Amino acid sequence: MATAPTHRVSDKLSVFAFAVGVLVVIVGGAFAAGYLIGRILL
């Protein structure tokens, strides 16, 4: 009888931190692109 793999709290936190980091990079890049495009157009 196989047991389900257990996930440690540190594993969940590391995945959550990675997801937050990716989100910050994407949102930051979008703001930077918007800023640069705004500076070019104005």
C-alpha atoms as a PDB file:
ATOM      1  CA  MET A   1       0.000   0.000   0.000  1.00  0.00           C
ATOM      2  CA  ALA A   2       1.630   3.224  -1.168  1.00  0.00           C
ATOM      3  CA  THR A   3       1.448   6.253   1.040  1.00  0.00           C
ATOM      4  CA  ALA A   4       0.874   9.724  -0.338  1.00  0.00           C
ATOM      5  CA  PRO A   5       3.995  11.893  -0.421  1.00  0.00           C
ATOM      6  CA  THR A   6       4.101  14.396   2.388  1.00  0.00           C
ATOM      7  CA  HIS A   7       4.977  17.982   1.626  1.00  0.00           C
ATOM      8  CA  ARG A   8       6.961  19.855   4.228  1.00  0.00           C
ATOM      9  CA  VAL A   9       6.070  23.419   5.146  1.00  0.00           C
ATOM     10  CA  SER A  10       9.452  24.605   3.867  1.00  0.00           C
ATOM     11  CA  ASP A  11       8.689  23.132   0.440  1.00  0.00           C
ATOM     12  CA  LYS A  12       5.380  24.984   0.273  1.00  0.00           C
ATOM     13  CA  LEU A  13       7.021  28.231   1.411  1.00  0.00           C
ATOM     14  CA  SER A  14       9.781  27.935  -1.186  1.00  0.00           C
ATOM     15  CA  VAL A  15       7.234  27.380  -3.968  1.00  0.00           C
ATOM     16  CA  PHE A  16       5.160  30.304  -2.694  1.00  0.00           C
ATOM     17  CA  ALA A  17       8.238  32.545  -2.515  1.00  0.00           C
ATOM     18  CA  PHE A  18       9.216  31.541  -6.053  1.00  0.00           C
ATOM     19  CA  ALA A  19       5.706  32.330  -7.341  1.00  0.00           C
ATOM     20  CA  VAL A  20       5.753  35.727  -5.605  1.00  0.00           C
ATOM     21  CA  GLY A  21       9.174  36.463  -7.095  1.00  0.00           C
ATOM     22  CA  VAL A  22       7.998  35.634 -10.613  1.00  0.00           C
ATOM     23  CA  LEU A  23       4.910  37.789 -10.119  1.00  0.00           C
ATOM     24  CA  VAL A  24       7.007  40.737  -8.888  1.00  0.00           C
ATOM     25  CA  VAL A  25       9.304  40.448 -11.918  1.00  0.00           C
ATOM     26  CA  ILE A  26       6.350  40.369 -14.332  1.00  0.00           C
ATOM     27  CA  VAL A  27       4.512  43.278 -12.683  1.00  0.00           C
ATOM     28  CA  GLY A  28       7.737  45.276 -12.326  1.00  0.00           C
ATOM     29  CA  GLY A  29       8.564  44.682 -15.965  1.00  0.00           C
ATOM     30  CA  ALA A  30       5.114  45.833 -17.010  1.00  0.00           C
ATOM     31  CA  PHE A  31       5.445  49.038 -14.973  1.00  0.00           C
ATOM     32  CA  ALA A  32       8.927  49.660 -16.362  1.00  0.00           C
ATOM     33  CA  ALA A  33       7.723  49.144 -19.927  1.00  0.00           C
ATOM     34  CA  GLY A  34       4.764  51.463 -19.354  1.00  0.00           C
ATOM     35  CA  TYR A  35       7.049  54.096 -17.855  1.00  0.00           C
ATOM     36  CA  LEU A  36       9.510  53.935 -20.740  1.00  0.00           C
ATOM     37  CA  ILE A  37       6.756  54.038 -23.369  1.00  0.00           C
ATOM     38  CA  GLY A  38       5.179  56.997 -21.562  1.00  0.00           C
ATOM     39  CA  ARG A  39       8.520  58.835 -21.503  1.00  0.00           C
ATOM     40  CA  ILE A  40       8.983  58.235 -25.236  1.00  0.00           C
ATOM     41  CA  LEU A  41       5.481  59.396 -26.185  1.00  0.00           C
ATOM     42  CA  LEU A  42       5.360  62.480 -23.976  1.00  0.00           C
END
